[in-house]
Amino acid sequence: MAGRLGARLRLGIVTAALLASSGVVYYAAVYVPRRDAALESERMLKQARADADKRAAQQRLLAQQSAAEQRQADGRAAAQARYQACVADAGAVHDASWAAACKQNGDKVRQDHDDCLATLHLPRSYCDSAYTVGDDSPQCTLPSEIATVLDAALQRARNQCLKDSQAAVP
């Protein structure tokens, strides 16, 4: 009986030791790896969120820069369009002024011719040669004094267009 009791005692001690060690084994073999995996998973999730936030911030910054560049390009294009319109308007004013000067010059030559005939009573051949009615079309050749004034006004208007355009570009 003492042998049985000793065997039972040994069995109990071994069982107790196994139970006690199974807790340590469970802790070391199951609980700690699961806990470490959960912590690692949480750390990776936080890192992934941080990376996603960083990428989103970079994308927002790129989008803002792109929008700013687009606004600048639009501003430059609008300034260029305004400049072209201004130069075209200056050219139209020059052409209209030139045409008006041509007409006025032609009218004056005709009036002088008529006065030569009516008032001075000179022969027609003399009046025709002295007051030749030239081209009074909008593309006529004007006396150099008038042409110089009109061309200078055109150049001043173009220069003003350029100054306005340069002042408008940011």
Protein backbone atom coordinates (compact mmCIF):
# COMPACT_ATOMS: atom_id res chain seq x y z
CA MET A 1 0.00 0.00 0.00
CA ALA A 2 2.83 2.26 0.67
CA GLY A 3 3.93 1.59 -2.89
CA ARG A 4 0.54 2.57 -4.17
CA LEU A 5 0.44 5.65 -2.07
CA GLY A 6 3.89 6.64 -3.25
CA ALA A 7 2.85 6.03 -6.84
CA ARG A 8 -0.26 8.11 -6.33
CA LEU A 9 1.74 10.79 -4.65
CA ARG A 10 4.20 10.80 -7.48
CA LEU A 11 1.37 10.81 -9.98
CA GLY A 12 -0.21 13.73 -8.10
CA ILE A 13 3.08 15.60 -7.99
CA VAL A 14 3.66 14.95 -11.68
CA THR A 15 0.07 15.98 -12.43
CA ALA A 16 0.45 19.14 -10.33
CA ALA A 17 3.77 19.86 -12.01
CA LEU A 18 2.21 19.28 -15.41
CA LEU A 19 -0.74 21.50 -14.57
CA ALA A 20 1.56 24.20 -13.25
CA SER A 21 3.87 23.93 -16.21
CA SER A 22 0.94 23.83 -18.62
CA GLY A 23 0.01 27.32 -17.44
CA VAL A 24 3.55 28.48 -18.11
CA VAL A 25 3.59 26.62 -21.41
CA TYR A 26 0.22 28.12 -22.39
CA TYR A 27 1.46 31.57 -21.39
CA ALA A 28 4.71 31.18 -23.29
CA ALA A 29 3.44 29.17 -26.24
CA VAL A 30 -0.04 30.60 -26.85
CA TYR A 31 -0.79 33.82 -24.94
CA VAL A 32 2.45 35.75 -25.52
CA PRO A 33 2.59 35.06 -29.29
CA ARG A 34 -1.07 36.05 -29.67
CA ARG A 35 -0.53 39.18 -27.63
CA ASP A 36 2.62 40.04 -29.58
CA ALA A 37 0.82 39.39 -32.88
CA ALA A 38 -2.06 41.63 -31.77
CA LEU A 39 0.37 44.38 -30.73
CA GLU A 40 2.28 44.00 -34.00
CA SER A 41 -0.97 44.10 -35.95
CA GLU A 42 -2.04 47.25 -34.09
CA ARG A 43 1.37 48.84 -34.70
CA MET A 44 1.19 47.97 -38.40
CA LEU A 45 -2.36 49.35 -38.60
CA LYS A 46 -1.24 52.62 -36.96
CA GLN A 47 1.72 52.78 -39.36
CA ALA A 48 -0.55 52.12 -42.34
CA ARG A 49 -2.91 54.88 -41.19
CA ALA A 50 0.00 57.26 -40.70
CA ASP A 51 1.32 56.39 -44.17
CA ALA A 52 -2.14 56.86 -45.68
CA ASP A 53 -2.50 60.23 -43.93
CA LYS A 54 0.93 61.26 -45.18
CA ARG A 55 0.07 60.24 -48.77
CA ALA A 56 -3.26 62.07 -48.53
CA ALA A 57 -1.50 65.20 -47.28
CA GLN A 58 1.01 64.97 -50.14
CA GLN A 59 -1.79 64.51 -52.65
CA ARG A 60 -3.63 67.53 -51.23
CA LEU A 61 -0.44 69.57 -51.48
CA LEU A 62 0.12 68.43 -55.06
CA ALA A 63 -3.49 69.24 -55.91
CA GLN A 64 -3.15 72.71 -54.37
CA GLN A 65 0.10 73.32 -56.26
CA SER A 66 -1.49 72.10 -59.48
CA ALA A 67 -4.50 74.35 -58.92
CA ALA A 68 -2.21 77.32 -58.22
CA GLU A 69 -0.20 76.60 -61.36
CA GLN A 70 -3.41 76.31 -63.36
CA ARG A 71 -4.65 79.64 -61.99
CA GLN A 72 -1.33 81.24 -62.96
CA ALA A 73 -1.50 79.72 -66.43
CA ASP A 74 -5.09 80.91 -66.79
CA GLY A 75 -4.03 84.37 -65.62
CA ARG A 76 -1.19 84.47 -68.14
CA ALA A 77 -3.50 83.28 -70.92
CA ALA A 78 -6.10 85.90 -70.00
CA ALA A 79 -3.41 88.61 -69.88
CA GLN A 80 -2.15 87.49 -73.29
CA ALA A 81 -5.68 87.58 -74.69
CA ARG A 82 -6.22 91.08 -73.25
CA TYR A 83 -2.91 92.19 -74.76
CA GLN A 84 -3.82 90.80 -78.18
CA ALA A 85 -7.24 92.48 -78.00
CA CYS A 86 -5.64 95.78 -76.97
CA VAL A 87 -3.16 95.63 -79.86
CA ALA A 88 -5.98 94.77 -82.26
CA ASP A 89 -8.02 97.72 -80.96
CA ALA A 90 -5.01 100.03 -81.36
CA GLY A 91 -4.60 98.78 -84.94
CA ALA A 92 -8.29 99.34 -85.65
CA VAL A 93 -8.11 102.90 -84.29
CA HIS A 94 -4.99 103.53 -86.40
CA ASP A 95 -6.67 102.16 -89.53
CA ALA A 96 -9.82 104.22 -88.92
CA SER A 97 -7.74 107.35 -88.32
CA TRP A 98 -5.72 106.66 -91.47
CA ALA A 99 -8.90 106.18 -93.52
CA ALA A 100 -10.40 109.39 -92.11
CA ALA A 101 -7.20 111.30 -92.93
CA CYS A 102 -7.26 109.87 -96.47
CA LYS A 103 -10.86 110.99 -96.93
CA GLN A 104 -10.16 114.41 -95.44
CA ASN A 105 -7.10 114.84 -97.66
CA GLY A 106 -9.08 113.79 -100.76
CA ASP A 107 -11.95 116.14 -99.84
CA LYS A 108 -9.51 119.03 -99.37
CA VAL A 109 -7.84 118.41 -102.75
CA ARG A 110 -11.28 118.27 -104.44
CA GLN A 111 -12.35 121.49 -102.69
CA ASP A 112 -9.12 123.22 -103.69
CA HIS A 113 -9.62 122.00 -107.26
CA ASP A 114 -13.18 123.32 -107.29
CA ASP A 115 -12.03 126.65 -105.81
CA CYS A 116 -9.31 126.85 -108.45
CA LEU A 117 -11.95 126.55 -111.15
CA ALA A 118 -14.72 128.61 -109.57
CA THR A 119 -12.98 131.33 -107.62
CA LEU A 120 -9.70 131.82 -109.37
CA HIS A 121 -11.14 131.21 -112.85
CA LEU A 122 -8.00 129.44 -113.96
CA PRO A 123 -7.98 127.05 -116.89
CA ARG A 124 -9.15 123.52 -116.18
CA SER A 125 -5.86 121.99 -117.36
CA TYR A 126 -3.94 124.08 -114.81
CA CYS A 127 -6.35 123.22 -111.93
CA ASP A 128 -6.32 119.54 -112.92
CA SER A 129 -2.52 119.42 -112.85
CA ALA A 130 -2.15 121.54 -109.70
CA TYR A 131 -4.83 119.76 -107.68
CA THR A 132 -4.69 116.15 -108.73
CA VAL A 133 -7.29 114.19 -106.85
CA GLY A 134 -5.33 111.25 -105.54
CA ASP A 135 -6.31 108.07 -103.87
CA ASP A 136 -8.74 108.75 -101.05
CA SER A 137 -9.26 105.08 -100.16
CA PRO A 138 -8.49 103.89 -96.60
CA GLN A 139 -5.08 102.63 -97.80
CA CYS A 140 -4.01 105.86 -99.48
CA THR A 141 -0.56 107.37 -99.25
CA LEU A 142 -0.70 110.25 -96.79
CA PRO A 143 1.69 113.15 -96.52
CA SER A 144 4.61 112.13 -94.30
CA GLU A 145 3.70 114.61 -91.53
CA ILE A 146 0.25 113.04 -91.09
CA ALA A 147 1.51 109.47 -91.51
CA THR A 148 4.24 110.01 -88.90
CA VAL A 149 1.74 111.32 -86.35
CA LEU A 150 -0.64 108.40 -86.92
CA ASP A 151 2.16 105.82 -86.77
CA ALA A 152 3.54 107.35 -83.57
CA ALA A 153 0.07 107.19 -81.99
CA LEU A 154 -0.16 103.52 -82.96
CA GLN A 155 3.24 102.80 -81.40
CA ARG A 156 2.27 104.62 -78.17
CA ALA A 157 -0.96 102.61 -77.98
CA ARG A 158 0.95 99.34 -78.48
CA ASN A 159 3.45 100.32 -75.79
CA GLN A 160 0.58 101.08 -73.42
CA CYS A 161 -0.93 97.68 -74.18
CA LEU A 162 2.38 96.05 -73.28
CA LYS A 163 2.70 98.02 -70.03
CA ASP A 164 -0.86 97.13 -69.04
CA SER A 165 -0.24 93.48 -69.85
CA GLN A 166 2.97 93.32 -67.85
CA ALA A 167 1.33 95.05 -64.89
CA ALA A 168 -1.54 92.52 -64.90
CA VAL A 169 0.68 89.39 -64.84
CA PRO A 170 1.29 88.23 -61.24
